[in-house]
Structures are given as C-alpha cells and as structure tokens.
Amino acid sequence: MKYRRDLLSIISIVFLIIISGTGILSIDFFKSYEVNNQFGEVIKMYGAGIYSHDSFFKAPIFIGTDLCILLVLVPLFIYSLLKNKKEHSNKSKLQLLSLYTVAFYYAASISFGVTYNQYHLLYIALFACTLFGLFSLVREIDSEAFHYKITKGVGAFLILAGTALIVAWLPDILTSILSNKPLALIQVYTTEITYILDMGIIGPLCLVCLYLLRKGDKLGIVILACLLKACIIVGIMMISQTMLQILSGYEILLPVLLTKSGSFVLLGGFALHFNIKLYKNL
C-alpha cells in the first residue's frame, strides 16, 4: 500500500509540473480574437498556448493559478512526500493529505472549468491520482491519536470562511436568476466551477468541520488541516491571479479587488496562523 501511495504522489507531482508549466508558458497577451457566445454576446478570447480557446478574462486567472501551483504547491508536495517517507507519522501523513486536497481542488477546477484542449487526458489523470491518493492517505491516518482542543479563534475562522465562500458568489447567481440573464462573466462557459466547489463543498464543509470539532470527533481535525491548507494556497493564488489579470490589461474595479480578492488573501493569512498552531498543538 505504501509503495502504491508513493507512486500516486510521484505521478501527481509530475502531472502538476507538466500541466502548470505548460499553462505558464501560455503567457502571451497579444493573440486575442473575438467570438459570439451561446447568449449572443461578443467575447474576447485569449488565443495563445493551451488556453487559446478560453476567454481573455479567464486565461490570466488560469495562468495565475498555474504559477501558484508550480512555485508553491509542487515544492510543498515534494517536501511533504519526502518528510512522510522519513517519519511516516500521523502528523506527516496529515500534512501530505492536506496538500493532496489542494491538488485535487486544482484538478477538479481545470478538468471541469477549462475549455477542452490537448491536455484533457492529463487533467483526468491528475483528477484520478489526487482523488485516489486522498483515499489511500485517509485510510492510513489514525485520527484518534490526535489531541487538539478547538479555540474560539478557529471556531470564528470556520464560521467566517464558510459564510464568506457562500456570500462571495451568491449575489452573482441571484442577480442572474432574478434578471433571467446569464452570469455576468459566464462568457463562453456553461457553468462556473468555482461557485460549485466553494458553495457546494468547501463552504458547507467549514461548518461541518466546526460541528465535528465541537463534538470531539477526531475526523474534524483531519478536515480542519485540509481546509486550512486549501485557504492558505488559495490566498496566495489570488495574488498571482490578480497580478496576471493586471498584466493582461484587464481592468479590475477597486471594490471587486477589496471584497473578493482581498477577502480571500485575508482568510489565507488567518489560515496560515491557525495552521501553524494546529501542528504545534497536535
């Protein structure tokens, strides 16, 4: 089992490097073109690299995500894998599991959110490897060995994060439904995968985690570690995404920058603080 899990980790890391590296090499803001979408709107398309069939708004976000994955997630993944091979402790397994969670979130986002391209099979392979890697590690972790007492700060963070992930995107959807119009930034896509993952899984999971921790269920500790690591990486990701959008020439309104990008960076900062305290107190 250990050999198979390590192999899954190595394959996942290789796929992460190839996929994110190719995305970063797609930086070229001068090959745009226009198309009419399914709603009759004229949409500016990116036109370069692996994201040539994605919108000019989305492609810089994808590239910013790739930048964070290659420069932050991959080194952390490699370090945690080597550390777990050496220590093989519950704590090292938990650290590796939390990074698998982030990799799985990325794999789901690109598998369902990026316009079909030549890397579709790689996206599927990464999705499968990270999903099964999660399963294999969860089985190995003895959560009952963990000892952790939830603090008011962590409780407040989980409520804030769970609420923020729903409140951040809900107005966009309600406005669309009430006006009987598509989402403002649906562009050439059929849905918004971020809304689904954040509002349908991560947001509610924050509240479920809080409930489990207050009940004394040790599964809550495992979920908390995964949520904190996801929030940290997403906070960093928002910086690289915003940077790439600005470089592309896309005008970001200050209220949007503060309410959405800024709030996720702030949550990431709090998550980093609580993540450090979590591993010190386990």
C-alpha atoms as a PDB file:
ATOM      1  CA  MET A   1       0.000   0.000   0.000  1.00  0.00           C
ATOM      2  CA  LYS A   2       2.813   2.412   0.913  1.00  0.00           C
ATOM      3  CA  TYR A   3       4.557   1.826  -2.432  1.00  0.00           C
ATOM      4  CA  ARG A   4       1.333   2.423  -4.363  1.00  0.00           C
ATOM      5  CA  ARG A   5       0.616   5.613  -2.407  1.00  0.00           C
ATOM      6  CA  ASP A   6       4.135   6.959  -3.022  1.00  0.00           C
ATOM      7  CA  LEU A   7       3.783   6.135  -6.699  1.00  0.00           C
ATOM      8  CA  LEU A   8       0.476   8.044  -6.839  1.00  0.00           C
ATOM      9  CA  SER A   9       2.178  11.014  -5.162  1.00  0.00           C
ATOM     10  CA  ILE A  10       5.084  10.993  -7.619  1.00  0.00           C
ATOM     11  CA  ILE A  11       2.746  10.718 -10.627  1.00  0.00           C
ATOM     12  CA  SER A  12       0.579  13.515  -9.237  1.00  0.00           C
ATOM     13  CA  ILE A  13       3.625  15.763  -8.794  1.00  0.00           C
ATOM     14  CA  VAL A  14       4.827  15.056 -12.347  1.00  0.00           C
ATOM     15  CA  PHE A  15       1.368  15.858 -13.751  1.00  0.00           C
ATOM     16  CA  LEU A  16       1.202  19.045 -11.666  1.00  0.00           C
ATOM     17  CA  ILE A  17       4.559  20.176 -13.060  1.00  0.00           C
ATOM     18  CA  ILE A  18       3.650  19.414 -16.687  1.00  0.00           C
ATOM     19  CA  ILE A  19       0.163  20.941 -16.544  1.00  0.00           C
ATOM     20  CA  SER A  20       1.043  24.081 -14.596  1.00  0.00           C
ATOM     21  CA  GLY A  21       4.316  24.577 -16.500  1.00  0.00           C
ATOM     22  CA  THR A  22       2.512  24.438 -19.848  1.00  0.00           C
ATOM     23  CA  GLY A  23      -0.055  26.906 -18.551  1.00  0.00           C
ATOM     24  CA  ILE A  24       2.636  29.383 -17.536  1.00  0.00           C
ATOM     25  CA  LEU A  25       4.286  29.060 -20.959  1.00  0.00           C
ATOM     26  CA  SER A  26       0.976  30.193 -22.473  1.00  0.00           C
ATOM     27  CA  ILE A  27       1.609  33.790 -21.387  1.00  0.00           C
ATOM     28  CA  ASP A  28       1.017  35.942 -24.454  1.00  0.00           C
ATOM     29  CA  PHE A  29      -1.480  38.796 -24.231  1.00  0.00           C
ATOM     30  CA  PHE A  30      -1.294  39.788 -27.906  1.00  0.00           C
ATOM     31  CA  LYS A  31      -3.105  36.955 -29.722  1.00  0.00           C
ATOM     32  CA  SER A  32      -6.682  37.677 -28.732  1.00  0.00           C
ATOM     33  CA  TYR A  33      -9.702  37.300 -31.015  1.00  0.00           C
ATOM     34  CA  GLU A  34     -13.455  37.663 -30.643  1.00  0.00           C
ATOM     35  CA  VAL A  35     -16.345  35.189 -30.878  1.00  0.00           C
ATOM     36  CA  ASN A  36     -20.089  35.212 -30.254  1.00  0.00           C
ATOM     37  CA  ASN A  37     -21.065  33.054 -27.278  1.00  0.00           C
ATOM     38  CA  GLN A  38     -24.214  30.969 -26.781  1.00  0.00           C
ATOM     39  CA  PHE A  39     -26.033  34.036 -25.434  1.00  0.00           C
ATOM     40  CA  GLY A  40     -25.250  36.219 -28.453  1.00  0.00           C
ATOM     41  CA  GLU A  41     -22.589  38.238 -26.629  1.00  0.00           C
ATOM     42  CA  VAL A  42     -19.243  39.191 -28.202  1.00  0.00           C
ATOM     43  CA  ILE A  43     -16.479  37.650 -26.086  1.00  0.00           C
ATOM     44  CA  LYS A  44     -12.766  38.432 -26.249  1.00  0.00           C
ATOM     45  CA  MET A  45     -10.782  35.165 -26.368  1.00  0.00           C
ATOM     46  CA  TYR A  46      -7.215  34.560 -25.220  1.00  0.00           C
ATOM     47  CA  GLY A  47      -5.794  32.918 -28.330  1.00  0.00           C
ATOM     48  CA  ALA A  48      -2.426  31.654 -27.042  1.00  0.00           C
ATOM     49  CA  GLY A  49      -0.995  28.376 -25.788  1.00  0.00           C
ATOM     50  CA  ILE A  50      -3.011  25.715 -24.004  1.00  0.00           C
ATOM     51  CA  TYR A  51      -5.664  28.320 -23.117  1.00  0.00           C
ATOM     52  CA  SER A  52      -6.156  29.556 -26.694  1.00  0.00           C
ATOM     53  CA  HIS A  53      -9.860  28.655 -26.597  1.00  0.00           C
ATOM     54  CA  ASP A  54     -10.518  30.209 -23.196  1.00  0.00           C
ATOM     55  CA  SER A  55     -11.758  33.737 -22.632  1.00  0.00           C
ATOM     56  CA  PHE A  56      -9.348  36.645 -22.208  1.00  0.00           C
ATOM     57  CA  PHE A  57     -10.798  37.162 -18.722  1.00  0.00           C
ATOM     58  CA  LYS A  58     -10.344  33.555 -17.576  1.00  0.00           C
ATOM     59  CA  ALA A  59      -6.980  32.647 -19.151  1.00  0.00           C
ATOM     60  CA  PRO A  60      -4.897  35.008 -16.952  1.00  0.00           C
ATOM     61  CA  ILE A  61      -6.685  33.565 -13.907  1.00  0.00           C
ATOM     62  CA  PHE A  62      -5.768  30.036 -15.052  1.00  0.00           C
ATOM     63  CA  ILE A  63      -2.147  31.100 -15.622  1.00  0.00           C
ATOM     64  CA  GLY A  64      -2.007  32.789 -12.219  1.00  0.00           C
ATOM     65  CA  THR A  65      -3.291  29.558 -10.695  1.00  0.00           C
ATOM     66  CA  ASP A  66      -0.641  27.562 -12.570  1.00  0.00           C
ATOM     67  CA  LEU A  67       2.049  29.907 -11.281  1.00  0.00           C
ATOM     68  CA  CYS A  68       0.980  29.279  -7.683  1.00  0.00           C
ATOM     69  CA  ILE A  69       0.760  25.528  -8.247  1.00  0.00           C
ATOM     70  CA  LEU A  70       4.263  25.276  -9.724  1.00  0.00           C
ATOM     71  CA  LEU A  71       6.031  27.635  -7.325  1.00  0.00           C
ATOM     72  CA  VAL A  72       4.154  26.893  -4.099  1.00  0.00           C
ATOM     73  CA  LEU A  73       2.171  23.647  -4.163  1.00  0.00           C
ATOM     74  CA  VAL A  74       4.697  21.461  -6.003  1.00  0.00           C
ATOM     75  CA  PRO A  75       7.663  22.277  -3.686  1.00  0.00           C
ATOM     76  CA  LEU A  76       5.439  21.762  -0.621  1.00  0.00           C
ATOM     77  CA  PHE A  77       4.152  18.486  -2.069  1.00  0.00           C
ATOM     78  CA  ILE A  78       7.677  17.186  -2.720  1.00  0.00           C
ATOM     79  CA  TYR A  79       8.880  18.265   0.732  1.00  0.00           C
ATOM     80  CA  SER A  80       5.897  16.647   2.483  1.00  0.00           C
ATOM     81  CA  LEU A  81       6.282  13.428   0.492  1.00  0.00           C
ATOM     82  CA  LEU A  82       9.972  13.121   1.451  1.00  0.00           C
ATOM     83  CA  LYS A  83       9.212  14.031   5.063  1.00  0.00           C
ATOM     84  CA  ASN A  84       6.470  11.411   5.244  1.00  0.00           C
ATOM     85  CA  LYS A  85       8.771   8.745   3.776  1.00  0.00           C
ATOM     86  CA  LYS A  86      11.276   9.535   6.510  1.00  0.00           C
ATOM     87  CA  GLU A  87       8.936   9.926   9.504  1.00  0.00           C
ATOM     88  CA  HIS A  88       5.825   8.009   8.453  1.00  0.00           C
ATOM     89  CA  SER A  89       3.951   9.623  11.361  1.00  0.00           C
ATOM     90  CA  ASN A  90       0.327  10.631  11.668  1.00  0.00           C
ATOM     91  CA  LYS A  91       1.355  14.280  11.551  1.00  0.00           C
ATOM     92  CA  SER A  92       3.416  13.876   8.354  1.00  0.00           C
ATOM     93  CA  LYS A  93       0.580  11.922   6.746  1.00  0.00           C
ATOM     94  CA  LEU A  94      -1.850  14.694   7.668  1.00  0.00           C
ATOM     95  CA  GLN A  95       0.421  17.310   6.084  1.00  0.00           C
ATOM     96  CA  LEU A  96       0.629  15.271   2.880  1.00  0.00           C
ATOM     97  CA  LEU A  97      -3.136  14.699   2.888  1.00  0.00           C
ATOM     98  CA  SER A  98      -3.798  18.436   3.139  1.00  0.00           C
ATOM     99  CA  LEU A  99      -1.649  19.036   0.041  1.00  0.00           C
ATOM    100  CA  TYR A 100      -3.449  16.266  -1.812  1.00  0.00           C
ATOM    101  CA  THR A 101      -6.654  18.172  -1.041  1.00  0.00           C
ATOM    102  CA  VAL A 102      -5.330  21.315  -2.721  1.00  0.00           C
ATOM    103  CA  ALA A 103      -4.067  19.311  -5.707  1.00  0.00           C
ATOM    104  CA  PHE A 104      -7.477  17.657  -6.034  1.00  0.00           C
ATOM    105  CA  TYR A 105      -9.215  21.050  -5.913  1.00  0.00           C
ATOM    106  CA  TYR A 106      -6.919  22.255  -8.715  1.00  0.00           C
ATOM    107  CA  ALA A 107      -7.504  19.076 -10.736  1.00  0.00           C
ATOM    108  CA  ALA A 108     -11.288  19.425 -10.395  1.00  0.00           C
ATOM    109  CA  SER A 109     -11.126  23.104 -11.380  1.00  0.00           C
ATOM    110  CA  ILE A 110      -9.194  22.531 -14.595  1.00  0.00           C
ATOM    111  CA  SER A 111     -10.980  19.280 -15.511  1.00  0.00           C
ATOM    112  CA  PHE A 112     -14.401  20.932 -15.386  1.00  0.00           C
ATOM    113  CA  GLY A 113     -13.556  24.607 -15.815  1.00  0.00           C
ATOM    114  CA  VAL A 114     -11.006  24.871 -18.637  1.00  0.00           C
ATOM    115  CA  THR A 115     -12.195  24.683 -22.240  1.00  0.00           C
ATOM    116  CA  TYR A 116     -11.420  21.301 -23.811  1.00  0.00           C
ATOM    117  CA  ASN A 117      -7.823  21.154 -25.054  1.00  0.00           C
ATOM    118  CA  GLN A 118      -4.958  18.726 -25.814  1.00  0.00           C
ATOM    119  CA  TYR A 119      -4.282  18.158 -22.111  1.00  0.00           C
ATOM    120  CA  HIS A 120      -7.742  16.846 -21.267  1.00  0.00           C
ATOM    121  CA  LEU A 121      -6.458  13.312 -20.614  1.00  0.00           C
ATOM    122  CA  LEU A 122      -3.754  14.715 -18.329  1.00  0.00           C
ATOM    123  CA  TYR A 123      -6.411  16.668 -16.421  1.00  0.00           C
ATOM    124  CA  ILE A 124      -8.431  13.485 -15.962  1.00  0.00           C
ATOM    125  CA  ALA A 125      -5.329  11.542 -14.880  1.00  0.00           C
ATOM    126  CA  LEU A 126      -4.422  14.207 -12.305  1.00  0.00           C
ATOM    127  CA  PHE A 127      -8.020  14.240 -11.058  1.00  0.00           C
ATOM    128  CA  ALA A 128      -7.958  10.452 -10.595  1.00  0.00           C
ATOM    129  CA  CYS A 129      -4.495  10.298  -8.996  1.00  0.00           C
ATOM    130  CA  THR A 130      -5.232  13.029  -6.452  1.00  0.00           C
ATOM    131  CA  LEU A 131      -8.647  11.551  -5.618  1.00  0.00           C
ATOM    132  CA  PHE A 132      -7.304   8.045  -5.007  1.00  0.00           C
ATOM    133  CA  GLY A 133      -4.282   9.494  -3.225  1.00  0.00           C
ATOM    134  CA  LEU A 134      -6.697  11.182  -0.823  1.00  0.00           C
ATOM    135  CA  PHE A 135      -8.499   7.895  -0.201  1.00  0.00           C
ATOM    136  CA  SER A 136      -5.276   5.972   0.440  1.00  0.00           C
ATOM    137  CA  LEU A 137      -3.952   8.525   2.961  1.00  0.00           C
ATOM    138  CA  VAL A 138      -7.244   8.892   4.837  1.00  0.00           C
ATOM    139  CA  ARG A 139      -7.195   5.134   5.444  1.00  0.00           C
ATOM    140  CA  GLU A 140      -3.675   5.295   6.917  1.00  0.00           C
ATOM    141  CA  ILE A 141      -4.203   8.204   9.316  1.00  0.00           C
ATOM    142  CA  ASP A 142      -5.125   7.265  12.875  1.00  0.00           C
ATOM    143  CA  SER A 143      -7.137  10.349  13.740  1.00  0.00           C
ATOM    144  CA  GLU A 144      -7.842   9.030  17.240  1.00  0.00           C
ATOM    145  CA  ALA A 145      -4.167   9.565  18.063  1.00  0.00           C
ATOM    146  CA  PHE A 146      -4.562  13.323  17.602  1.00  0.00           C
ATOM    147  CA  HIS A 147      -5.221  15.573  20.564  1.00  0.00           C
ATOM    148  CA  TYR A 148      -6.466  19.047  19.730  1.00  0.00           C
ATOM    149  CA  LYS A 149      -8.796  21.431  21.512  1.00  0.00           C
ATOM    150  CA  ILE A 150     -10.694  23.884  19.329  1.00  0.00           C
ATOM    151  CA  THR A 151     -10.255  27.549  20.233  1.00  0.00           C
ATOM    152  CA  LYS A 152     -12.664  30.440  19.799  1.00  0.00           C
ATOM    153  CA  GLY A 153     -10.402  31.824  17.093  1.00  0.00           C
ATOM    154  CA  VAL A 154     -10.574  28.645  14.987  1.00  0.00           C
ATOM    155  CA  GLY A 155     -14.343  28.487  15.522  1.00  0.00           C
ATOM    156  CA  ALA A 156     -14.755  32.077  14.353  1.00  0.00           C
ATOM    157  CA  PHE A 157     -12.477  31.423  11.371  1.00  0.00           C
ATOM    158  CA  LEU A 158     -14.513  28.398  10.229  1.00  0.00           C
ATOM    159  CA  ILE A 159     -17.786  30.335  10.510  1.00  0.00           C
ATOM    160  CA  LEU A 160     -16.287  33.315   8.659  1.00  0.00           C
ATOM    161  CA  ALA A 161     -14.696  31.168   5.933  1.00  0.00           C
ATOM    162  CA  GLY A 162     -17.796  29.022   5.430  1.00  0.00           C
ATOM    163  CA  THR A 163     -20.033  32.082   5.249  1.00  0.00           C
ATOM    164  CA  ALA A 164     -17.648  34.104   3.064  1.00  0.00           C
ATOM    165  CA  LEU A 165     -17.337  31.365   0.441  1.00  0.00           C
ATOM    166  CA  ILE A 166     -21.104  31.353   0.036  1.00  0.00           C
ATOM    167  CA  VAL A 167     -21.739  35.090   0.360  1.00  0.00           C
ATOM    168  CA  ALA A 168     -18.924  35.963  -2.092  1.00  0.00           C
ATOM    169  CA  TRP A 169     -20.589  34.192  -5.029  1.00  0.00           C
ATOM    170  CA  LEU A 170     -24.293  34.063  -4.108  1.00  0.00           C
ATOM    171  CA  PRO A 171     -25.168  37.627  -5.265  1.00  0.00           C
ATOM    172  CA  ASP A 172     -23.857  36.864  -8.776  1.00  0.00           C
ATOM    173  CA  ILE A 173     -26.143  33.842  -9.068  1.00  0.00           C
ATOM    174  CA  LEU A 174     -29.212  35.522  -7.531  1.00  0.00           C
ATOM    175  CA  THR A 175     -28.817  38.539  -9.802  1.00  0.00           C
ATOM    176  CA  SER A 176     -28.636  36.233 -12.811  1.00  0.00           C
ATOM    177  CA  ILE A 177     -31.733  34.261 -11.760  1.00  0.00           C
ATOM    178  CA  LEU A 178     -33.845  37.318 -10.907  1.00  0.00           C
ATOM    179  CA  SER A 179     -32.921  39.119 -14.137  1.00  0.00           C
ATOM    180  CA  ASN A 180     -33.314  35.933 -16.217  1.00  0.00           C
ATOM    181  CA  LYS A 181     -29.893  36.571 -17.723  1.00  0.00           C
ATOM    182  CA  PRO A 182     -26.676  34.519 -17.766  1.00  0.00           C
ATOM    183  CA  LEU A 183     -23.961  35.110 -15.187  1.00  0.00           C
ATOM    184  CA  ALA A 184     -22.130  38.354 -15.893  1.00  0.00           C
ATOM    185  CA  LEU A 185     -18.850  36.537 -16.554  1.00  0.00           C
ATOM    186  CA  ILE A 186     -20.172  33.234 -17.942  1.00  0.00           C
ATOM    187  CA  GLN A 187     -18.637  34.207 -21.308  1.00  0.00           C
ATOM    188  CA  VAL A 188     -18.029  31.006 -23.372  1.00  0.00           C
ATOM    189  CA  TYR A 189     -18.570  28.585 -20.467  1.00  0.00           C
ATOM    190  CA  THR A 190     -21.654  26.638 -19.465  1.00  0.00           C
ATOM    191  CA  THR A 191     -21.161  26.951 -15.701  1.00  0.00           C
ATOM    192  CA  GLU A 192     -18.830  28.404 -13.077  1.00  0.00           C
ATOM    193  CA  ILE A 193     -16.922  25.571 -11.402  1.00  0.00           C
ATOM    194  CA  THR A 194     -15.574  27.822  -8.615  1.00  0.00           C
ATOM    195  CA  TYR A 195     -19.111  28.555  -7.437  1.00  0.00           C
ATOM    196  CA  ILE A 196     -19.882  24.836  -7.301  1.00  0.00           C
ATOM    197  CA  LEU A 197     -16.747  23.855  -5.390  1.00  0.00           C
ATOM    198  CA  ASP A 198     -16.802  26.784  -2.964  1.00  0.00           C
ATOM    199  CA  MET A 199     -20.551  26.996  -2.295  1.00  0.00           C
ATOM    200  CA  GLY A 200     -21.353  23.300  -2.604  1.00  0.00           C
ATOM    201  CA  ILE A 201     -18.377  21.693  -0.883  1.00  0.00           C
ATOM    202  CA  ILE A 202     -15.816  23.896   0.869  1.00  0.00           C
ATOM    203  CA  GLY A 203     -18.179  26.433   2.454  1.00  0.00           C
ATOM    204  CA  PRO A 204     -20.512  23.818   3.979  1.00  0.00           C
ATOM    205  CA  LEU A 205     -17.507  21.660   4.921  1.00  0.00           C
ATOM    206  CA  CYS A 206     -16.183  24.509   7.109  1.00  0.00           C
ATOM    207  CA  LEU A 207     -19.408  24.391   9.112  1.00  0.00           C
ATOM    208  CA  VAL A 208     -19.399  20.577   9.234  1.00  0.00           C
ATOM    209  CA  CYS A 209     -15.795  20.718  10.482  1.00  0.00           C
ATOM    210  CA  LEU A 210     -16.785  23.127  13.247  1.00  0.00           C
ATOM    211  CA  TYR A 211     -19.629  20.818  14.308  1.00  0.00           C
ATOM    212  CA  LEU A 212     -17.312  17.781  14.432  1.00  0.00           C
ATOM    213  CA  LEU A 213     -14.635  19.634  16.411  1.00  0.00           C
ATOM    214  CA  ARG A 214     -17.147  20.811  18.990  1.00  0.00           C
ATOM    215  CA  LYS A 215     -18.462  17.249  19.304  1.00  0.00           C
ATOM    216  CA  GLY A 216     -14.935  15.989  19.871  1.00  0.00           C
ATOM    217  CA  ASP A 217     -14.981  13.897  16.692  1.00  0.00           C
ATOM    218  CA  LYS A 218     -11.345  13.494  15.571  1.00  0.00           C
ATOM    219  CA  LEU A 219     -12.379  13.498  11.909  1.00  0.00           C
ATOM    220  CA  GLY A 220     -12.864  17.241  12.384  1.00  0.00           C
ATOM    221  CA  ILE A 221      -9.098  17.628  12.946  1.00  0.00           C
ATOM    222  CA  VAL A 222      -8.323  15.936   9.631  1.00  0.00           C
ATOM    223  CA  ILE A 223     -10.849  18.112   7.794  1.00  0.00           C
ATOM    224  CA  LEU A 224      -9.530  21.243   9.530  1.00  0.00           C
ATOM    225  CA  ALA A 225      -5.965  20.545   8.350  1.00  0.00           C
ATOM    226  CA  CYS A 226      -7.194  20.170   4.771  1.00  0.00           C
ATOM    227  CA  LEU A 227      -9.343  23.327   4.900  1.00  0.00           C
ATOM    228  CA  LEU A 228      -6.561  25.445   6.386  1.00  0.00           C
ATOM    229  CA  LYS A 229      -4.050  24.355   3.742  1.00  0.00           C
ATOM    230  CA  ALA A 230      -6.600  24.995   0.979  1.00  0.00           C
ATOM    231  CA  CYS A 231      -7.294  28.505   2.308  1.00  0.00           C
ATOM    232  CA  ILE A 232      -3.560  29.269   2.532  1.00  0.00           C
ATOM    233  CA  ILE A 233      -2.859  28.215  -1.054  1.00  0.00           C
ATOM    234  CA  VAL A 234      -5.981  29.949  -2.396  1.00  0.00           C
ATOM    235  CA  GLY A 235      -4.918  33.156  -0.610  1.00  0.00           C
ATOM    236  CA  ILE A 236      -1.540  33.025  -2.365  1.00  0.00           C
ATOM    237  CA  MET A 237      -3.274  32.054  -5.595  1.00  0.00           C
ATOM    238  CA  MET A 238      -5.453  35.171  -5.502  1.00  0.00           C
ATOM    239  CA  ILE A 239      -2.306  37.308  -5.523  1.00  0.00           C
ATOM    240  CA  SER A 240      -0.828  35.587  -8.598  1.00  0.00           C
ATOM    241  CA  GLN A 241      -4.214  35.571 -10.361  1.00  0.00           C
ATOM    242  CA  THR A 242      -4.724  39.297  -9.744  1.00  0.00           C
ATOM    243  CA  MET A 243      -1.161  40.029 -10.870  1.00  0.00           C
ATOM    244  CA  LEU A 244      -1.694  38.175 -14.168  1.00  0.00           C
ATOM    245  CA  GLN A 245      -5.036  39.879 -14.772  1.00  0.00           C
ATOM    246  CA  ILE A 246      -3.417  43.291 -14.302  1.00  0.00           C
ATOM    247  CA  LEU A 247      -0.553  42.350 -16.641  1.00  0.00           C
ATOM    248  CA  SER A 248      -3.075  41.248 -19.270  1.00  0.00           C
ATOM    249  CA  GLY A 249      -4.565  44.734 -19.250  1.00  0.00           C
ATOM    250  CA  TYR A 250      -7.858  43.663 -17.674  1.00  0.00           C
ATOM    251  CA  GLU A 251      -9.247  46.473 -15.543  1.00  0.00           C
ATOM    252  CA  ILE A 252     -10.131  45.263 -12.053  1.00  0.00           C
ATOM    253  CA  LEU A 253     -12.519  47.530 -10.168  1.00  0.00           C
ATOM    254  CA  LEU A 254     -11.297  48.524  -6.697  1.00  0.00           C
ATOM    255  CA  PRO A 255     -14.485  47.328  -4.895  1.00  0.00           C
ATOM    256  CA  VAL A 256     -14.114  43.901  -6.528  1.00  0.00           C
ATOM    257  CA  LEU A 257     -10.417  43.797  -5.642  1.00  0.00           C
ATOM    258  CA  LEU A 258     -11.156  44.568  -1.993  1.00  0.00           C
ATOM    259  CA  THR A 259     -14.278  42.482  -1.448  1.00  0.00           C
ATOM    260  CA  LYS A 260     -13.302  39.320  -3.325  1.00  0.00           C
ATOM    261  CA  SER A 261      -9.549  39.120  -3.902  1.00  0.00           C
ATOM    262  CA  GLY A 262      -8.706  40.943  -0.675  1.00  0.00           C
ATOM    263  CA  SER A 263     -11.037  38.837   1.457  1.00  0.00           C
ATOM    264  CA  PHE A 264      -9.510  35.567   0.222  1.00  0.00           C
ATOM    265  CA  VAL A 265      -5.972  36.850   0.872  1.00  0.00           C
ATOM    266  CA  LEU A 266      -7.041  37.853   4.383  1.00  0.00           C
ATOM    267  CA  LEU A 267      -8.604  34.440   5.007  1.00  0.00           C
ATOM    268  CA  GLY A 268      -5.376  32.843   3.766  1.00  0.00           C
ATOM    269  CA  GLY A 269      -3.385  34.855   6.294  1.00  0.00           C
ATOM    270  CA  PHE A 270      -5.607  33.752   9.173  1.00  0.00           C
ATOM    271  CA  ALA A 271      -5.471  30.162   7.897  1.00  0.00           C
ATOM    272  CA  LEU A 272      -1.656  30.250   7.953  1.00  0.00           C
ATOM    273  CA  HIS A 273      -1.713  31.403  11.577  1.00  0.00           C
ATOM    274  CA  PHE A 274      -4.126  28.661  12.657  1.00  0.00           C
ATOM    275  CA  ASN A 275      -2.302  26.037  10.570  1.00  0.00           C
ATOM    276  CA  ILE A 276       0.971  26.717  12.430  1.00  0.00           C
ATOM    277  CA  LYS A 277      -0.816  26.494  15.778  1.00  0.00           C
ATOM    278  CA  LEU A 278      -2.616  23.286  14.742  1.00  0.00           C
ATOM    279  CA  TYR A 279       0.572  21.324  14.057  1.00  0.00           C
ATOM    280  CA  LYS A 280       2.237  22.695  17.207  1.00  0.00           C
ATOM    281  CA  ASN A 281      -0.678  21.509  19.348  1.00  0.00           C
ATOM    282  CA  LEU A 282      -1.328  18.094  17.775  1.00  0.00           C
END
